[in-house]
Amino acid sequence: MKLKGKKVKMTQIWHDEKVVPVTVIRLNENESVAELKEGDKVRVSGTSKGKGFQGVVKRHGFAGGPKTHGQKDRLRAPGSSGPTAPQRVIKGRKMAGHMGNERVTVKNLKVVSVEEKERNVFLKGAVPGMIGGTVEIQK
């Protein structure tokens, strides 16, 4: 069972005497809200936010170089890009490049509540993508 909808907003609601961070998803017209119940665990897929061309520190979490000891402008540089033996850069090397704008799936998100009239589903936690982006919910 796959339900499609749009990410409306991220907010927080009161549920069982606690404040719960939720993401509101409005299901499409032809989707049935009755299939989801409060307490269900779902898997949500969407397209992550695009971040453009990023360096290795932001994209892969590299440490970067030291600020001192003779370094000038190498603070966020990747360092060595390969070994001396094959004398080439091996495929799959983590380098700077385009980040984000790819399909991401988040598993085990809990359905906090369902509004049948407005066709809204409240999921606990973060859902991939930007506001207004299309998401897919699987039970």
N, C-alpha and C. Protein backbone atom coordinates (compact mmCIF):
# COMPACT_ATOMS: atom_id res chain seq x y z
N MET A 1 0.83 -1.18 0.00
CA MET A 1 0.00 0.00 0.00
C MET A 1 0.88 1.25 0.00
N LYS A 2 0.76 2.06 -1.05
CA LYS A 2 1.52 3.29 -1.15
C LYS A 2 0.54 4.45 -1.23
N LEU A 3 0.73 5.42 -0.34
CA LEU A 3 -0.09 6.63 -0.35
C LEU A 3 0.79 7.80 -0.75
N LYS A 4 0.28 8.67 -1.60
CA LYS A 4 1.04 9.83 -2.02
C LYS A 4 0.40 11.09 -1.48
N GLY A 5 1.24 12.07 -1.13
CA GLY A 5 0.75 13.32 -0.61
C GLY A 5 1.81 14.39 -0.68
N LYS A 6 1.49 15.57 -0.11
CA LYS A 6 2.42 16.69 -0.09
C LYS A 6 2.78 17.02 1.35
N LYS A 7 4.04 17.41 1.55
CA LYS A 7 4.50 17.84 2.86
C LYS A 7 3.99 19.26 3.07
N VAL A 8 3.14 19.46 4.08
CA VAL A 8 2.51 20.76 4.31
C VAL A 8 3.38 21.64 5.18
N LYS A 9 3.73 21.15 6.38
CA LYS A 9 4.56 21.94 7.29
C LYS A 9 5.10 21.05 8.39
N MET A 10 6.06 21.59 9.15
CA MET A 10 6.57 20.93 10.34
C MET A 10 6.15 21.77 11.53
N THR A 11 5.61 21.13 12.55
CA THR A 11 5.11 21.86 13.71
C THR A 11 5.18 20.95 14.92
N GLN A 12 4.51 21.33 15.99
CA GLN A 12 4.42 20.47 17.16
C GLN A 12 3.01 20.51 17.71
N ILE A 13 2.57 19.39 18.26
CA ILE A 13 1.21 19.31 18.80
C ILE A 13 1.25 18.67 20.18
N TRP A 14 0.19 18.87 20.94
CA TRP A 14 0.04 18.20 22.23
C TRP A 14 -0.57 16.83 21.99
N HIS A 15 0.09 15.78 22.53
CA HIS A 15 -0.41 14.42 22.38
C HIS A 15 -0.03 13.64 23.63
N ASP A 16 -0.99 13.10 24.33
CA ASP A 16 -0.76 12.35 25.58
C ASP A 16 0.04 13.18 26.60
N GLU A 17 -0.40 14.41 26.82
CA GLU A 17 0.22 15.30 27.82
C GLU A 17 1.68 15.65 27.50
N LYS A 18 2.11 15.50 26.25
CA LYS A 18 3.47 15.85 25.83
C LYS A 18 3.43 16.65 24.55
N VAL A 19 4.46 17.46 24.34
CA VAL A 19 4.62 18.17 23.07
C VAL A 19 5.38 17.25 22.12
N VAL A 20 4.80 16.98 20.95
CA VAL A 20 5.39 16.04 19.99
C VAL A 20 5.71 16.79 18.70
N PRO A 21 6.99 16.75 18.23
CA PRO A 21 7.31 17.36 16.93
C PRO A 21 6.75 16.51 15.80
N VAL A 22 5.98 17.12 14.92
CA VAL A 22 5.33 16.37 13.85
C VAL A 22 5.54 17.05 12.51
N THR A 23 5.39 16.25 11.45
CA THR A 23 5.34 16.74 10.08
C THR A 23 3.95 16.44 9.55
N VAL A 24 3.31 17.47 8.99
CA VAL A 24 1.95 17.32 8.47
C VAL A 24 2.02 16.99 6.99
N ILE A 25 1.33 15.91 6.60
CA ILE A 25 1.29 15.50 5.19
C ILE A 25 -0.18 15.45 4.77
N ARG A 26 -0.49 16.17 3.69
CA ARG A 26 -1.85 16.16 3.14
C ARG A 26 -1.88 15.18 1.98
N LEU A 27 -2.71 14.14 2.13
CA LEU A 27 -2.80 13.10 1.10
C LEU A 27 -3.55 13.60 -0.12
N ASN A 28 -3.26 13.00 -1.27
CA ASN A 28 -3.92 13.36 -2.53
C ASN A 28 -5.40 12.99 -2.47
N GLU A 29 -6.17 13.56 -3.42
CA GLU A 29 -7.62 13.36 -3.46
C GLU A 29 -8.01 11.89 -3.58
N ASN A 30 -7.30 11.12 -4.39
CA ASN A 30 -7.70 9.74 -4.66
C ASN A 30 -7.17 8.74 -3.63
N GLU A 31 -6.47 9.22 -2.59
CA GLU A 31 -5.91 8.33 -1.57
C GLU A 31 -6.88 8.20 -0.39
N SER A 32 -6.90 7.02 0.22
CA SER A 32 -7.80 6.75 1.35
C SER A 32 -7.06 6.96 2.67
N VAL A 33 -7.59 7.85 3.51
CA VAL A 33 -6.98 8.14 4.80
C VAL A 33 -7.27 7.02 5.80
N ALA A 34 -8.33 6.26 5.56
CA ALA A 34 -8.77 5.22 6.50
C ALA A 34 -7.75 4.10 6.67
N GLU A 35 -6.81 3.95 5.75
CA GLU A 35 -5.82 2.88 5.84
C GLU A 35 -4.79 3.12 6.95
N LEU A 36 -4.64 4.39 7.36
CA LEU A 36 -3.69 4.72 8.42
C LEU A 36 -4.42 4.93 9.73
N LYS A 37 -3.84 4.38 10.81
CA LYS A 37 -4.41 4.54 12.14
C LYS A 37 -3.35 5.11 13.06
N GLU A 38 -3.79 5.72 14.14
CA GLU A 38 -2.88 6.27 15.13
C GLU A 38 -2.04 5.15 15.74
N GLY A 39 -0.72 5.38 15.80
CA GLY A 39 0.19 4.38 16.35
C GLY A 39 0.87 3.51 15.31
N ASP A 40 0.44 3.58 14.05
CA ASP A 40 1.07 2.78 12.99
C ASP A 40 2.50 3.24 12.74
N LYS A 41 3.36 2.31 12.33
CA LYS A 41 4.72 2.65 11.90
C LYS A 41 4.73 2.64 10.38
N VAL A 42 5.27 3.71 9.79
CA VAL A 42 5.28 3.83 8.33
C VAL A 42 6.68 4.16 7.84
N ARG A 43 6.86 3.96 6.54
CA ARG A 43 8.11 4.30 5.84
C ARG A 43 7.77 5.41 4.86
N VAL A 44 8.52 6.51 4.92
CA VAL A 44 8.23 7.68 4.09
C VAL A 44 9.40 7.94 3.15
N SER A 45 9.10 8.09 1.85
CA SER A 45 10.13 8.38 0.85
C SER A 45 9.85 9.72 0.20
N GLY A 46 10.91 10.45 -0.11
CA GLY A 46 10.77 11.73 -0.78
C GLY A 46 12.11 12.16 -1.35
N THR A 47 12.11 13.30 -2.02
CA THR A 47 13.34 13.85 -2.60
C THR A 47 13.91 14.87 -1.63
N SER A 48 15.17 14.65 -1.21
CA SER A 48 15.79 15.53 -0.24
C SER A 48 16.06 16.90 -0.84
N LYS A 49 16.24 17.88 0.04
CA LYS A 49 16.53 19.24 -0.41
C LYS A 49 17.88 19.27 -1.13
N GLY A 50 17.94 19.96 -2.26
CA GLY A 50 19.19 20.10 -2.99
C GLY A 50 20.07 21.16 -2.35
N LYS A 51 21.36 20.88 -2.22
CA LYS A 51 22.27 21.82 -1.58
C LYS A 51 23.33 22.34 -2.55
N GLY A 52 23.25 21.94 -3.82
CA GLY A 52 24.20 22.44 -4.81
C GLY A 52 25.57 21.78 -4.69
N PHE A 53 26.59 22.46 -5.22
CA PHE A 53 27.96 21.95 -5.20
C PHE A 53 28.56 22.23 -3.83
N GLN A 54 28.97 21.19 -3.12
CA GLN A 54 29.53 21.34 -1.77
C GLN A 54 30.90 20.69 -1.69
N GLY A 55 31.70 21.18 -0.76
CA GLY A 55 33.04 20.65 -0.54
C GLY A 55 33.00 19.38 0.29
N VAL A 56 34.17 18.79 0.51
CA VAL A 56 34.24 17.50 1.20
C VAL A 56 33.92 17.61 2.68
N VAL A 57 34.16 18.75 3.29
CA VAL A 57 33.89 18.90 4.72
C VAL A 57 32.39 18.82 4.97
N LYS A 58 31.60 19.53 4.18
CA LYS A 58 30.15 19.51 4.36
C LYS A 58 29.52 18.24 3.78
N ARG A 59 30.00 17.80 2.62
CA ARG A 59 29.37 16.67 1.93
C ARG A 59 29.67 15.33 2.59
N HIS A 60 30.93 15.11 3.04
CA HIS A 60 31.31 13.81 3.57
C HIS A 60 31.82 13.86 5.01
N GLY A 61 31.89 15.03 5.61
CA GLY A 61 32.32 15.14 7.00
C GLY A 61 33.81 15.03 7.22
N PHE A 62 34.61 15.39 6.21
CA PHE A 62 36.06 15.37 6.38
C PHE A 62 36.45 16.39 7.45
N ALA A 63 37.59 16.17 8.11
CA ALA A 63 38.02 17.04 9.20
C ALA A 63 38.64 18.33 8.70
N GLY A 64 39.24 18.33 7.53
CA GLY A 64 39.95 19.51 7.06
C GLY A 64 41.35 19.55 7.64
N GLY A 65 42.13 20.55 7.23
CA GLY A 65 43.51 20.66 7.69
C GLY A 65 43.63 21.54 8.92
N PRO A 66 44.83 21.63 9.48
CA PRO A 66 45.04 22.47 10.66
C PRO A 66 45.02 23.96 10.31
N LYS A 67 44.65 24.78 11.28
CA LYS A 67 44.63 26.23 11.05
C LYS A 67 46.04 26.80 11.07
N THR A 68 46.94 26.16 11.79
CA THR A 68 48.28 26.70 11.96
C THR A 68 49.31 25.78 11.32
N HIS A 69 50.57 25.91 11.72
CA HIS A 69 51.70 25.11 11.24
C HIS A 69 51.91 25.29 9.75
N GLY A 70 51.91 26.52 9.32
CA GLY A 70 52.27 26.81 7.94
C GLY A 70 51.14 26.72 6.94
N GLN A 71 49.93 26.46 7.39
CA GLN A 71 48.79 26.37 6.46
C GLN A 71 48.24 27.76 6.19
N LYS A 72 47.85 27.98 4.96
CA LYS A 72 47.32 29.30 4.61
C LYS A 72 45.87 29.17 4.17
N ASP A 73 45.62 28.50 3.06
CA ASP A 73 44.26 28.42 2.53
C ASP A 73 43.84 26.96 2.32
N ARG A 74 44.32 26.07 3.16
CA ARG A 74 44.04 24.63 3.00
C ARG A 74 43.15 24.12 4.13
N LEU A 75 42.40 25.01 4.77
CA LEU A 75 41.63 24.64 5.95
C LEU A 75 40.56 23.60 5.66
N ARG A 76 39.83 23.76 4.56
CA ARG A 76 38.73 22.83 4.23
C ARG A 76 39.05 21.97 3.01
N ALA A 77 40.32 21.78 2.73
CA ALA A 77 40.75 20.98 1.58
C ALA A 77 40.69 19.49 1.91
N PRO A 78 40.50 18.61 0.90
CA PRO A 78 40.39 17.18 1.16
C PRO A 78 41.68 16.49 1.53
N GLY A 79 42.83 17.02 1.13
CA GLY A 79 44.10 16.34 1.39
C GLY A 79 44.47 15.46 0.21
N SER A 80 45.16 14.37 0.47
CA SER A 80 45.62 13.47 -0.58
C SER A 80 44.43 12.76 -1.23
N SER A 81 44.50 12.59 -2.56
CA SER A 81 43.37 11.99 -3.26
C SER A 81 43.62 10.55 -3.69
N GLY A 82 44.73 9.95 -3.27
CA GLY A 82 44.93 8.56 -3.65
C GLY A 82 46.31 8.04 -3.31
N PRO A 83 46.50 6.71 -3.44
CA PRO A 83 47.79 6.10 -3.14
C PRO A 83 48.79 6.27 -4.29
N THR A 84 50.03 5.90 -4.06
CA THR A 84 51.05 6.03 -5.09
C THR A 84 51.14 4.79 -5.98
N ALA A 85 50.62 3.65 -5.51
CA ALA A 85 50.80 2.40 -6.25
C ALA A 85 50.03 2.35 -7.57
N PRO A 86 48.72 2.50 -7.64
CA PRO A 86 48.10 2.43 -8.96
C PRO A 86 48.28 3.72 -9.77
N GLN A 87 48.76 4.79 -9.16
CA GLN A 87 49.04 6.08 -9.81
C GLN A 87 47.82 6.64 -10.53
N ARG A 88 46.70 6.50 -9.89
CA ARG A 88 45.46 7.10 -10.39
C ARG A 88 44.50 7.21 -9.21
N VAL A 89 43.42 7.93 -9.39
CA VAL A 89 42.42 8.05 -8.34
C VAL A 89 41.43 6.90 -8.51
N ILE A 90 41.25 6.12 -7.46
CA ILE A 90 40.36 4.96 -7.50
C ILE A 90 38.90 5.42 -7.58
N LYS A 91 38.08 4.69 -8.34
CA LYS A 91 36.66 5.03 -8.47
C LYS A 91 35.97 4.96 -7.12
N GLY A 92 35.03 5.87 -6.91
CA GLY A 92 34.28 5.90 -5.67
C GLY A 92 34.89 6.78 -4.59
N ARG A 93 35.98 7.47 -4.91
CA ARG A 93 36.64 8.34 -3.95
C ARG A 93 35.71 9.47 -3.54
N LYS A 94 35.63 9.75 -2.24
CA LYS A 94 34.78 10.82 -1.75
C LYS A 94 35.43 12.17 -2.08
N MET A 95 34.75 12.95 -2.89
CA MET A 95 35.26 14.26 -3.30
C MET A 95 34.14 15.27 -3.26
N ALA A 96 34.48 16.52 -3.54
CA ALA A 96 33.48 17.57 -3.60
C ALA A 96 32.56 17.31 -4.78
N GLY A 97 31.32 17.78 -4.68
CA GLY A 97 30.38 17.58 -5.78
C GLY A 97 28.97 17.95 -5.38
N HIS A 98 28.01 17.58 -6.21
CA HIS A 98 26.61 17.90 -5.98
C HIS A 98 26.07 17.13 -4.79
N MET A 99 25.35 17.83 -3.92
CA MET A 99 24.84 17.23 -2.69
C MET A 99 23.33 17.41 -2.62
N GLY A 100 22.63 16.38 -2.17
CA GLY A 100 21.18 16.47 -2.00
C GLY A 100 20.45 16.19 -3.30
N ASN A 101 19.13 16.50 -3.30
CA ASN A 101 18.25 16.31 -4.45
C ASN A 101 18.27 14.85 -4.91
N GLU A 102 18.18 13.93 -3.95
CA GLU A 102 18.14 12.51 -4.25
C GLU A 102 17.06 11.85 -3.40
N ARG A 103 16.63 10.69 -3.81
CA ARG A 103 15.55 10.00 -3.09
C ARG A 103 16.05 9.47 -1.75
N VAL A 104 15.30 9.80 -0.69
CA VAL A 104 15.65 9.40 0.66
C VAL A 104 14.44 8.72 1.30
N THR A 105 14.67 7.63 2.03
CA THR A 105 13.61 6.92 2.72
C THR A 105 13.89 6.92 4.22
N VAL A 106 12.89 7.33 5.00
CA VAL A 106 12.99 7.32 6.46
C VAL A 106 12.03 6.25 6.96
N LYS A 107 12.56 5.30 7.76
CA LYS A 107 11.74 4.18 8.23
C LYS A 107 11.27 4.40 9.66
N ASN A 108 10.22 3.69 10.02
CA ASN A 108 9.68 3.64 11.38
C ASN A 108 9.24 4.99 11.92
N LEU A 109 8.57 5.79 11.10
CA LEU A 109 7.96 7.01 11.60
C LEU A 109 6.58 6.66 12.14
N LYS A 110 6.25 7.21 13.30
CA LYS A 110 4.99 6.87 13.97
C LYS A 110 3.89 7.84 13.55
N VAL A 111 2.70 7.31 13.26
CA VAL A 111 1.54 8.13 12.96
C VAL A 111 0.97 8.62 14.28
N VAL A 112 1.02 9.94 14.51
CA VAL A 112 0.53 10.51 15.77
C VAL A 112 -0.98 10.67 15.71
N SER A 113 -1.49 11.25 14.62
CA SER A 113 -2.93 11.37 14.46
C SER A 113 -3.28 11.52 12.99
N VAL A 114 -4.57 11.32 12.69
CA VAL A 114 -5.07 11.40 11.32
C VAL A 114 -6.33 12.25 11.32
N GLU A 115 -6.39 13.25 10.43
CA GLU A 115 -7.59 14.07 10.25
C GLU A 115 -8.25 13.64 8.95
N GLU A 116 -9.36 12.94 9.05
CA GLU A 116 -10.01 12.41 7.85
C GLU A 116 -10.65 13.52 7.01
N LYS A 117 -11.18 14.54 7.66
CA LYS A 117 -11.87 15.61 6.94
C LYS A 117 -10.90 16.39 6.05
N GLU A 118 -9.77 16.80 6.62
CA GLU A 118 -8.78 17.58 5.88
C GLU A 118 -7.78 16.70 5.14
N ARG A 119 -7.84 15.38 5.32
CA ARG A 119 -6.94 14.41 4.68
C ARG A 119 -5.50 14.60 5.14
N ASN A 120 -5.32 15.02 6.40
CA ASN A 120 -3.98 15.26 6.94
C ASN A 120 -3.53 14.08 7.78
N VAL A 121 -2.23 13.76 7.66
CA VAL A 121 -1.59 12.73 8.48
C VAL A 121 -0.46 13.40 9.24
N PHE A 122 -0.42 13.22 10.56
CA PHE A 122 0.62 13.78 11.40
C PHE A 122 1.63 12.69 11.74
N LEU A 123 2.87 12.85 11.26
CA LEU A 123 3.93 11.88 11.50
C LEU A 123 4.93 12.45 12.48
N LYS A 124 5.36 11.64 13.46
CA LYS A 124 6.32 12.10 14.45
C LYS A 124 7.71 12.13 13.83
N GLY A 125 8.35 13.31 13.86
CA GLY A 125 9.71 13.44 13.36
C GLY A 125 9.78 14.11 12.00
N ALA A 126 10.96 14.04 11.40
CA ALA A 126 11.25 14.74 10.15
C ALA A 126 11.01 13.84 8.94
N VAL A 127 10.51 14.45 7.88
CA VAL A 127 10.24 13.76 6.62
C VAL A 127 11.14 14.41 5.56
N PRO A 128 11.76 13.62 4.66
CA PRO A 128 12.66 14.21 3.67
C PRO A 128 11.94 15.13 2.70
N GLY A 129 12.64 16.15 2.25
CA GLY A 129 12.10 17.06 1.23
C GLY A 129 11.74 18.41 1.78
N MET A 130 11.37 19.28 0.85
CA MET A 130 10.99 20.63 1.25
C MET A 130 9.48 20.74 1.37
N ILE A 131 9.02 21.84 1.96
CA ILE A 131 7.59 22.08 2.11
C ILE A 131 6.97 22.14 0.72
N GLY A 132 5.89 21.41 0.52
CA GLY A 132 5.24 21.35 -0.77
C GLY A 132 5.75 20.22 -1.65
N GLY A 133 6.77 19.50 -1.18
CA GLY A 133 7.33 18.39 -1.95
C GLY A 133 6.46 17.15 -1.84
N THR A 134 6.52 16.32 -2.87
CA THR A 134 5.73 15.08 -2.89
C THR A 134 6.43 14.00 -2.07
N VAL A 135 5.65 13.31 -1.24
CA VAL A 135 6.18 12.21 -0.45
C VAL A 135 5.32 10.98 -0.65
N GLU A 136 5.89 9.81 -0.35
CA GLU A 136 5.20 8.54 -0.53
C GLU A 136 5.24 7.80 0.81
N ILE A 137 4.06 7.39 1.30
CA ILE A 137 3.96 6.71 2.59
C ILE A 137 3.65 5.24 2.33
N GLN A 138 4.45 4.36 2.97
CA GLN A 138 4.22 2.91 2.88
C GLN A 138 4.03 2.37 4.29
N LYS A 139 3.05 1.50 4.45
CA LYS A 139 2.77 0.91 5.75
C LYS A 139 3.73 -0.21 6.04
